[in-house]
């Protein structure tokens, strides 16, 4: 990417996104910057242009996005989520693309070569180029009605009777001179806010209103080649006598991501379970610390980590739907008693350095361990569960511990099977040898 600040660029291929004429005078700089940030996902060369547009140089992006038509389609779809009736123009010069974006429908707005650009610009009225407005009466008096008429005038006479800015703007529009472009420099930390035109209460409306912020976030991450583990969406409410603090919606991802689909999938669930005290009048998105992305898989075979990523995306979605305590991850401890060794924690991301204990070897362990052992009745000296007698098929495994803590436990564990083939993990107290307890169920 070229360094920030003023510089001259080679005229290659430019796309201009221009606000409609009815809104161009009221375009806020924050809206321009948000659109510029969203466009960073398509090209690192983006600039705010003439106070009502964003231009991006896309010659190096054509192969990546599948050609001119597909690239224009994707850029238009992204831009229309921020400004519904935005206009798109393409030309070998930034000013030319800007003029074509604001042209009437009879003029072709996307051209790839200077000859086609010249034919399109020649048909535009004089007031299309702002630098001509100061000389409009004189030009009309000598019979000029379109830009093509001005180009036919003797250059030396036009230079003597007008201004250098007019000639430079005209040459820049036709791609005959280099243009001065001030590249957009994204902030070091992402924090974007937008005011809403209406009071919003429902989750679908809030999700739709958050899309401009998410698109800007994705462009910011793409420009930095980074990803996020978390961000916070702040929902601002009406201020005044009944003011209340913003509603915080933190989003956490097991894998650092930069895709808007991943952001939307989790945010949709969080918004559906969010209870707001007041209607929303504004949204603010604050990104957490970003980190470098993992290198893309450029091998012939599928990425072996893809299944792990899909699993973590599913866990993120379930956590957003069920709450932070709805998903638990095993946190086994080094303890002989099964109920002490089998612990769970709500965190989705395991702590650094945490490892599972060594394998139990030949000892069978159930898929499901009961939180508390369940007493079993006996018939003819055989344990019975749900009216069916159990037959011991493996064991005993003797576990004895706790004498050092004053809670001496002595158990003999067995694998038992019912007449239907279902297996259970049961034990009896070694002291008495009579009382049976169900402690786990095998899959």
Protein backbone atom coordinates (compact mmCIF):
# COMPACT_ATOMS: atom_id res chain seq x y z
CA UNK A 1 0.00 0.00 0.00
CA UNK A 2 1.33 3.48 -0.79
CA UNK A 3 2.32 5.63 2.18
CA UNK A 4 -0.31 7.99 3.57
CA UNK A 5 -0.51 11.57 2.46
CA UNK A 6 -0.40 13.37 -0.88
CA UNK A 7 1.12 11.61 -3.87
CA UNK A 8 0.67 11.12 -7.60
CA UNK A 9 -0.60 7.78 -8.82
CA UNK A 10 -0.56 5.97 -12.13
CA UNK A 11 -3.94 6.11 -13.83
CA UNK A 12 -5.05 2.50 -14.04
CA UNK A 13 -8.65 1.64 -13.26
CA UNK A 14 -10.81 3.47 -10.77
CA UNK A 15 -14.22 2.85 -9.26
CA UNK A 16 -16.13 5.78 -7.81
CA UNK A 17 -19.02 5.47 -5.34
CA UNK A 18 -20.97 8.71 -5.32
CA UNK A 19 -23.81 9.87 -3.14
CA UNK A 20 -26.96 10.89 -5.03
CA UNK A 21 -27.23 14.58 -5.86
CA UNK A 22 -30.09 15.11 -3.40
CA UNK A 23 -27.89 14.03 -0.49
CA UNK A 24 -24.43 15.11 -1.63
CA UNK A 25 -24.50 18.43 0.22
CA UNK A 26 -25.33 16.74 3.50
CA UNK A 27 -22.84 13.87 3.36
CA UNK A 28 -21.12 13.64 6.73
CA UNK A 29 -17.43 12.91 6.87
CA UNK A 30 -18.12 9.97 9.19
CA UNK A 31 -20.30 8.37 6.50
CA UNK A 32 -17.58 8.87 3.89
CA UNK A 33 -14.98 7.36 6.20
CA UNK A 34 -17.24 4.40 7.00
CA UNK A 35 -17.74 3.73 3.29
CA UNK A 36 -14.01 4.10 2.65
CA UNK A 37 -13.23 1.67 5.44
CA UNK A 38 -15.68 -0.88 4.05
CA UNK A 39 -14.05 -0.58 0.61
CA UNK A 40 -10.67 -1.57 2.04
CA UNK A 41 -11.71 -5.20 1.65
CA UNK A 42 -11.52 -4.73 -2.15
CA UNK A 43 -8.41 -2.57 -2.51
CA UNK A 44 -5.79 -1.00 -0.24
CA UNK A 45 -5.89 2.16 -2.40
CA UNK A 46 -8.99 4.00 -1.22
CA UNK A 47 -9.62 7.73 -0.92
CA UNK A 48 -12.42 10.11 -0.01
CA UNK A 49 -12.99 12.21 -3.14
CA UNK A 50 -14.58 15.65 -3.75
CA UNK A 51 -16.58 15.62 -0.48
CA UNK A 52 -19.32 13.35 -1.81
CA UNK A 53 -17.59 10.20 -3.06
CA UNK A 54 -15.16 7.40 -2.35
CA UNK A 55 -12.79 6.18 -5.06
CA UNK A 56 -10.69 3.03 -5.12
CA UNK A 57 -8.05 1.89 -7.56
CA UNK A 58 -8.89 -1.71 -8.51
CA UNK A 59 -6.57 -2.71 -11.36
CA UNK A 60 -4.73 -5.16 -9.09
CA UNK A 61 -7.98 -6.53 -7.63
CA UNK A 62 -9.62 -7.74 -10.85
CA UNK A 63 -8.03 -11.20 -10.88
CA UNK A 64 -8.69 -11.73 -7.16
CA UNK A 65 -12.42 -11.00 -7.43
CA UNK A 66 -13.12 -12.64 -10.80
CA UNK A 67 -13.06 -9.75 -13.24
CA UNK A 68 -14.72 -6.38 -13.74
CA UNK A 69 -18.35 -7.46 -13.59
CA UNK A 70 -18.05 -9.59 -10.47
CA UNK A 71 -15.95 -6.98 -8.70
CA UNK A 72 -18.41 -4.18 -9.52
CA UNK A 73 -21.30 -6.35 -8.37
CA UNK A 74 -19.68 -7.10 -5.02
CA UNK A 75 -18.66 -3.48 -4.45
CA UNK A 76 -22.16 -2.26 -5.34
CA UNK A 77 -23.80 -4.78 -2.98
CA UNK A 78 -21.50 -3.75 -0.13
CA UNK A 79 -21.96 -0.03 -0.77
CA UNK A 80 -25.75 -0.28 -0.99
CA UNK A 81 -25.85 -1.67 2.54
CA UNK A 82 -24.42 1.66 3.67
CA UNK A 83 -26.13 3.97 1.13
CA UNK A 84 -29.10 2.41 -0.64
CA UNK A 85 -29.14 4.65 -3.75
CA UNK A 86 -25.41 5.17 -4.24
CA UNK A 87 -24.08 5.51 -7.79
CA UNK A 88 -21.11 3.62 -9.24
CA UNK A 89 -18.79 4.71 -12.04
CA UNK A 90 -15.64 3.11 -13.47
CA UNK A 91 -12.97 4.75 -15.62
CA UNK A 92 -9.19 4.92 -16.15
CA UNK A 93 -9.14 8.14 -14.09
CA UNK A 94 -10.60 9.01 -10.69
CA UNK A 95 -12.22 12.24 -11.93
CA UNK A 96 -13.57 10.42 -14.97
CA UNK A 97 -15.11 7.73 -12.78
CA UNK A 98 -16.59 10.47 -10.58
CA UNK A 99 -18.15 12.23 -13.59
CA UNK A 100 -19.58 9.00 -15.00
CA UNK A 101 -21.02 8.05 -11.59
CA UNK A 102 -23.02 11.28 -11.57
CA UNK A 103 -24.04 11.12 -15.23
CA UNK A 104 -27.53 10.45 -16.54
CA UNK A 105 -28.57 6.93 -17.51
CA UNK A 106 -27.98 7.59 -21.23
CA UNK A 107 -24.22 7.67 -20.62
CA UNK A 108 -22.32 4.44 -20.04
CA UNK A 109 -21.02 4.61 -16.48
CA UNK A 110 -18.39 1.86 -16.71
CA UNK A 111 -15.57 2.20 -19.24
CA UNK A 112 -12.17 0.51 -19.32
CA UNK A 113 -10.27 2.48 -21.96
CA UNK A 114 -9.48 6.14 -22.53
CA UNK A 115 -11.21 6.26 -25.90
CA UNK A 116 -14.45 5.00 -24.40
CA UNK A 117 -13.98 7.44 -21.52
CA UNK A 118 -13.54 10.36 -23.93
CA UNK A 119 -16.71 9.45 -25.85
CA UNK A 120 -18.70 9.29 -22.62
CA UNK A 121 -17.33 12.53 -21.14
CA UNK A 122 -17.79 14.49 -24.36
CA UNK A 123 -21.57 14.07 -24.00
CA UNK A 124 -21.76 15.47 -20.45
CA UNK A 125 -23.09 19.03 -19.88
CA UNK A 126 -20.72 21.77 -18.80
CA UNK A 127 -22.01 21.98 -15.22
CA UNK A 128 -20.91 18.38 -14.62
CA UNK A 129 -17.35 19.56 -13.94
CA UNK A 130 -17.30 22.03 -11.00
CA UNK A 131 -14.16 23.83 -12.27
CA UNK A 132 -16.16 25.05 -15.31
CA UNK A 133 -18.91 26.74 -13.29
CA UNK A 134 -17.01 30.02 -12.82
CA UNK A 135 -16.60 30.33 -16.62
CA UNK A 136 -20.01 28.98 -17.57
CA UNK A 137 -21.52 32.23 -18.98
CA UNK A 138 -18.51 32.87 -21.22
CA UNK A 139 -18.41 29.28 -22.50
CA UNK A 140 -22.13 29.28 -23.25
CA UNK A 141 -21.83 32.59 -25.10
CA UNK A 142 -19.28 31.11 -27.47
CA UNK A 143 -21.49 28.08 -28.15
CA UNK A 144 -20.13 25.44 -25.73
CA UNK A 145 -22.79 23.16 -24.31
CA UNK A 146 -20.88 19.97 -23.47
CA UNK A 147 -17.42 18.95 -22.27
CA UNK A 148 -16.55 17.82 -25.77
CA UNK A 149 -17.11 21.38 -27.01
CA UNK A 150 -14.62 22.74 -24.48
CA UNK A 151 -12.00 20.20 -25.56
CA UNK A 152 -12.31 21.43 -29.16
CA UNK A 153 -11.36 24.99 -28.21
CA UNK A 154 -7.77 26.09 -28.89
CA UNK A 155 -5.82 25.11 -25.81
CA UNK A 156 -3.69 28.26 -25.70
CA UNK A 157 -6.72 30.53 -25.89
CA UNK A 158 -8.58 28.49 -23.28
CA UNK A 159 -5.57 28.71 -21.00
CA UNK A 160 -5.38 32.50 -21.35
CA UNK A 161 -9.11 33.06 -20.71
CA UNK A 162 -9.70 30.52 -17.90
CA UNK A 163 -7.56 29.15 -15.08
CA UNK A 164 -4.92 26.41 -14.62
CA UNK A 165 -7.33 24.54 -12.32
CA UNK A 166 -9.85 24.22 -15.17
CA UNK A 167 -7.31 22.76 -17.60
CA UNK A 168 -5.89 20.41 -14.98
CA UNK A 169 -9.36 19.13 -14.02
CA UNK A 170 -10.25 18.62 -17.67
CA UNK A 171 -7.02 16.76 -18.40
CA UNK A 172 -7.40 14.66 -15.24
CA UNK A 173 -10.95 13.69 -16.18
CA UNK A 174 -9.83 12.46 -19.61
CA UNK A 175 -6.83 10.62 -18.19
CA UNK A 176 -4.25 12.90 -19.78
CA UNK A 177 -2.46 13.90 -16.57
CA UNK A 178 -1.84 12.48 -13.16
CA UNK A 179 -4.19 13.28 -10.28
CA UNK A 180 -3.38 14.22 -6.74
CA UNK A 181 -4.94 11.61 -4.43
CA UNK A 182 -4.97 11.73 -0.64
CA UNK A 183 -5.19 8.09 0.43
CA UNK A 184 -7.51 7.11 3.24
CA UNK A 185 -5.55 6.04 6.35
CA UNK A 186 -7.62 3.80 8.69
CA UNK A 187 -7.33 4.39 12.45
CA UNK A 188 -5.08 2.26 14.63
CA UNK A 189 -8.06 1.14 16.74
CA UNK A 190 -11.56 0.48 15.46
CA UNK A 191 -14.37 2.39 17.16
CA UNK A 192 -17.31 3.46 14.99
CA UNK A 193 -20.73 4.88 15.87
CA UNK A 194 -23.82 5.82 13.91
CA UNK A 195 -27.04 7.61 14.78
CA UNK A 196 -30.29 5.93 13.78
CA UNK A 197 -33.04 7.67 11.86
CA UNK A 198 -35.78 5.82 13.76
CA UNK A 199 -36.32 4.35 17.19
CA UNK A 200 -35.58 0.64 16.99
CA UNK A 201 -36.82 -2.11 19.32
CA UNK A 202 -36.77 -5.37 17.40
CA UNK A 203 -33.71 -7.62 16.95
CA UNK A 204 -33.97 -7.90 13.13
CA UNK A 205 -34.02 -4.11 12.77
CA UNK A 206 -31.02 -3.74 15.08
CA UNK A 207 -29.13 -6.40 13.14
CA UNK A 208 -29.81 -4.59 9.86
CA UNK A 209 -28.78 -1.25 11.39
CA UNK A 210 -25.48 -2.74 12.57
CA UNK A 211 -24.42 -3.86 9.07
CA UNK A 212 -22.64 -0.59 8.11
CA UNK A 213 -20.53 -0.85 11.26
CA UNK A 214 -19.73 -4.52 10.63
CA UNK A 215 -18.81 -3.85 7.00
CA UNK A 216 -16.45 -1.09 8.10
CA UNK A 217 -14.95 -3.46 10.69
CA UNK A 218 -14.37 -6.15 8.04
CA UNK A 219 -12.68 -3.63 5.72
CA UNK A 220 -10.49 -2.41 8.59
CA UNK A 221 -9.43 -5.99 9.40
CA UNK A 222 -8.83 -6.81 5.74
CA UNK A 223 -6.57 -3.80 5.33
CA UNK A 224 -4.52 -4.85 8.36
CA UNK A 225 -4.65 -8.58 7.54
CA UNK A 226 -5.81 -9.24 11.09
CA UNK A 227 -8.66 -10.97 12.92
CA UNK A 228 -10.66 -10.50 16.12
CA UNK A 229 -11.51 -12.67 19.09
CA UNK A 230 -14.09 -10.24 20.50
CA UNK A 231 -15.86 -6.92 20.10
CA UNK A 232 -18.63 -5.03 21.89
CA UNK A 233 -21.78 -3.55 20.38
CA UNK A 234 -23.14 -0.64 22.43
CA UNK A 235 -26.82 0.22 21.96
CA UNK A 236 -27.44 3.83 22.97
CA UNK A 237 -30.82 4.98 24.26
CA UNK A 238 -32.70 8.25 24.58
CA UNK A 239 -31.10 10.76 26.92
CA UNK A 240 -32.88 13.10 29.32
CA UNK A 241 -34.85 12.55 32.49
CA UNK A 242 -35.39 8.88 31.77
CA UNK A 243 -31.86 8.26 30.49
CA UNK A 244 -30.31 4.85 30.99
CA UNK A 245 -26.82 3.54 30.29
CA UNK A 246 -26.08 1.91 26.93
CA UNK A 247 -26.89 -1.76 26.53
CA UNK A 248 -23.67 -3.73 26.13
CA UNK A 249 -23.61 -6.79 23.89
CA UNK A 250 -20.17 -8.41 24.07
CA UNK A 251 -19.37 -11.00 21.41
CA UNK A 252 -16.66 -13.60 21.85
CA UNK A 253 -15.30 -15.99 19.24
CA UNK A 254 -13.30 -19.14 19.91
CA UNK A 255 -11.32 -18.61 16.71
CA UNK A 256 -10.17 -15.16 15.69
CA UNK A 257 -12.26 -14.23 12.65
CA UNK A 258 -12.68 -11.43 10.13
CA UNK A 259 -15.71 -12.68 8.15
CA UNK A 260 -18.98 -10.76 8.39
CA UNK A 261 -20.91 -14.05 8.19
CA UNK A 262 -19.32 -15.20 11.47
CA UNK A 263 -20.02 -11.84 13.10
CA UNK A 264 -23.67 -11.84 11.98
CA UNK A 265 -24.30 -15.44 13.01
CA UNK A 266 -23.39 -14.78 16.64
CA UNK A 267 -24.74 -11.22 16.81
CA UNK A 268 -28.15 -12.37 15.56
CA UNK A 269 -28.46 -14.82 18.45
CA UNK A 270 -27.29 -12.29 21.03
CA UNK A 271 -29.77 -9.66 19.83
CA UNK A 272 -32.66 -12.12 19.99
CA UNK A 273 -31.92 -12.73 23.68
CA UNK A 274 -31.17 -9.09 24.53
CA UNK A 275 -33.64 -7.17 26.72
CA UNK A 276 -33.42 -3.38 26.32
CA UNK A 277 -34.90 -0.91 28.76
CA UNK A 278 -35.48 1.75 26.09
CA UNK A 279 -35.58 2.01 22.32
CA UNK A 280 -32.29 2.28 20.46
CA UNK A 281 -31.29 5.66 18.99
CA UNK A 282 -27.67 4.86 18.12
CA UNK A 283 -25.17 2.05 17.76
CA UNK A 284 -21.47 1.93 18.53
CA UNK A 285 -19.05 -0.88 17.75
CA UNK A 286 -15.78 -1.19 19.68
CA UNK A 287 -13.29 -3.82 18.53
CA UNK A 288 -11.11 -5.71 20.95
CA UNK A 289 -7.39 -6.37 20.42
CA UNK A 290 -6.70 -7.69 16.93
CA UNK A 291 -4.11 -10.24 15.94
CA UNK A 292 -2.45 -11.45 12.76
CA UNK A 293 -4.29 -14.03 10.70
CA UNK A 294 -3.17 -17.59 10.17
CA UNK A 295 -1.75 -18.10 6.66
CA UNK A 296 -4.27 -19.29 4.10
CA UNK A 297 -4.21 -22.91 2.98
CA UNK A 298 -2.51 -22.95 -0.44
CA UNK A 299 -2.08 -26.71 -0.75
CA UNK A 300 -3.93 -29.07 -3.05
CA UNK A 301 -5.74 -30.85 -0.23
CA UNK A 302 -8.44 -29.44 2.10
CA UNK A 303 -7.35 -27.65 5.23
CA UNK A 304 -7.22 -30.24 8.07
CA UNK A 305 -8.19 -27.56 10.59
CA UNK A 306 -11.45 -26.74 8.82
CA UNK A 307 -13.49 -29.24 10.85
CA UNK A 308 -12.10 -27.75 14.07
CA UNK A 309 -13.08 -24.26 12.89
CA UNK A 310 -16.61 -25.45 12.07
CA UNK A 311 -16.88 -27.00 15.53
CA UNK A 312 -15.78 -23.79 17.21
CA UNK A 313 -18.22 -21.74 15.13
CA UNK A 314 -20.99 -24.05 16.31
CA UNK A 315 -19.90 -23.61 19.94
CA UNK A 316 -19.87 -19.82 19.49
CA UNK A 317 -23.41 -19.97 18.11
CA UNK A 318 -24.64 -22.21 20.95
CA UNK A 319 -23.01 -19.97 23.55
CA UNK A 320 -24.76 -16.93 22.06
CA UNK A 321 -28.08 -18.78 22.05
CA UNK A 322 -27.85 -20.51 25.46
CA UNK A 323 -25.76 -17.99 27.37
CA UNK A 324 -22.22 -18.14 28.74
CA UNK A 325 -23.18 -20.87 31.23
CA UNK A 326 -25.02 -22.96 28.66
CA UNK A 327 -21.82 -24.40 27.17
CA UNK A 328 -19.26 -26.08 29.39
CA UNK A 329 -15.86 -27.53 28.63
CA UNK A 330 -14.29 -30.36 30.66
CA UNK A 331 -11.64 -29.28 33.18
CA UNK A 332 -10.38 -32.61 34.59
CA UNK A 333 -8.38 -32.49 37.82
CA UNK A 334 -5.75 -34.86 39.13
CA UNK A 335 -7.91 -36.71 41.69
CA UNK A 336 -8.71 -40.38 42.25
CA UNK A 337 -12.41 -39.90 43.00
CA UNK A 338 -14.36 -39.65 39.71
CA UNK A 339 -16.72 -36.94 40.97
CA UNK A 340 -13.73 -34.81 41.98
CA UNK A 341 -11.72 -35.40 38.80
CA UNK A 342 -14.69 -34.72 36.49
CA UNK A 343 -15.15 -30.93 36.63
CA UNK A 344 -16.56 -28.50 34.07
CA UNK A 345 -16.11 -24.81 33.38
CA UNK A 346 -18.20 -22.39 31.27
CA UNK A 347 -15.27 -20.94 29.35
CA UNK A 348 -15.13 -21.91 25.71
CA UNK A 349 -11.42 -21.29 25.35
CA UNK A 350 -9.16 -23.56 27.40
CA UNK A 351 -6.54 -21.79 29.50
CA UNK A 352 -3.02 -21.68 28.13
CA UNK A 353 -0.93 -24.68 29.13
CA UNK A 354 -3.95 -26.77 30.21
CA UNK A 355 -3.59 -30.46 29.34
CA UNK A 356 -5.78 -33.47 29.87
CA UNK A 357 -4.56 -36.13 32.32
CA UNK A 358 -2.91 -39.28 31.08
CA UNK A 359 -5.09 -42.11 29.77
CA UNK A 360 -6.63 -44.51 32.29
CA UNK A 361 -5.31 -47.43 30.26
CA UNK A 362 -7.46 -50.56 30.38
CA UNK A 363 -9.94 -49.15 32.92
CA UNK A 364 -13.36 -48.42 31.39
CA UNK A 365 -14.92 -45.04 31.95
CA UNK A 366 -18.56 -44.10 31.20
CA UNK A 367 -19.61 -41.51 28.64
CA UNK A 368 -21.94 -39.86 31.18
CA UNK A 369 -21.00 -39.48 34.84
CA UNK A 370 -23.87 -38.69 37.21
CA UNK A 371 -23.46 -35.59 39.32
CA UNK A 372 -24.33 -37.70 42.37
CA UNK A 373 -24.25 -41.47 42.64
CA UNK A 374 -27.73 -43.06 42.69
CA UNK A 375 -28.47 -45.91 45.17
CA UNK A 376 -29.63 -49.18 43.62
CA UNK A 377 -31.88 -51.84 45.13
CA UNK A 378 -30.83 -55.50 45.13
CA UNK A 379 -32.70 -58.68 44.33
CA UNK A 380 -31.15 -62.04 45.03
CA UNK A 381 -27.85 -60.28 45.70
CA UNK A 382 -27.89 -58.60 42.26
CA UNK A 383 -28.20 -54.81 41.69
CA UNK A 384 -31.38 -53.72 39.90
CA UNK A 385 -31.85 -50.57 37.77
CA UNK A 386 -35.30 -49.53 36.48
CA UNK A 387 -36.68 -52.95 37.31
CA UNK A 388 -34.05 -54.87 35.34
CA UNK A 389 -31.34 -56.92 37.04
CA UNK A 390 -27.75 -56.07 36.16
CA UNK A 391 -25.02 -58.58 35.40
CA UNK A 392 -21.40 -57.76 36.26
CA UNK A 393 -19.24 -58.08 33.14
CA UNK A 394 -16.02 -56.31 34.15
CA UNK A 395 -14.26 -55.45 37.38
CA UNK A 396 -13.60 -54.85 40.11
CA UNK A 397 -11.53 -51.67 39.87
CA UNK A 398 -10.59 -50.65 43.36
CA UNK A 399 -10.41 -46.93 44.23
CA UNK A 400 -9.29 -45.91 47.70
CA UNK A 401 -8.42 -42.34 48.60
CA UNK A 402 -9.15 -39.44 50.96
CA UNK A 403 -7.51 -40.80 54.10
CA UNK A 404 -5.19 -37.78 54.16
CA UNK A 405 -8.17 -35.40 54.29
CA UNK A 406 -10.30 -37.25 56.80
CA UNK A 407 -12.76 -38.53 54.16
CA UNK A 408 -11.64 -42.07 53.55
CA UNK A 409 -13.36 -43.55 50.47
CA UNK A 410 -13.12 -47.26 49.55
CA UNK A 411 -15.01 -48.38 46.45
CA UNK A 412 -15.05 -51.34 44.07
CA UNK A 413 -16.25 -50.31 40.60
CA UNK A 414 -17.79 -52.70 38.07
CA UNK A 415 -19.16 -52.51 34.53
CA UNK A 416 -22.68 -53.95 34.60
CA UNK A 417 -25.02 -54.88 31.78
CA UNK A 418 -28.83 -55.19 31.65
CA UNK A 419 -30.77 -57.75 29.56
CA UNK A 420 -30.99 -55.28 26.62
CA UNK A 421 -27.22 -54.84 26.43
CA UNK A 422 -27.01 -51.35 27.97
CA UNK A 423 -23.97 -50.94 30.20
CA UNK A 424 -23.60 -49.02 33.47
CA UNK A 425 -20.79 -48.05 35.80
CA UNK A 426 -21.66 -49.10 39.33
CA UNK A 427 -19.79 -49.52 42.59
CA UNK A 428 -20.28 -50.78 46.09
CA UNK A 429 -18.76 -49.68 49.34
CA UNK A 430 -15.82 -51.86 50.19
CA UNK A 431 -16.51 -51.65 53.91
CA UNK A 432 -19.95 -53.27 53.76
CA UNK A 433 -19.88 -54.95 50.35
CA UNK A 434 -23.67 -54.64 50.14
CA UNK A 435 -24.80 -51.18 49.05
CA UNK A 436 -24.70 -50.64 45.27
CA UNK A 437 -24.62 -47.25 43.56
CA UNK A 438 -25.02 -46.20 39.91
CA UNK A 439 -22.32 -43.67 39.00
CA UNK A 440 -22.24 -43.53 35.20
CA UNK A 441 -23.77 -44.64 31.90
CA UNK A 442 -21.86 -45.89 28.88
CA UNK A 443 -22.75 -44.70 25.39
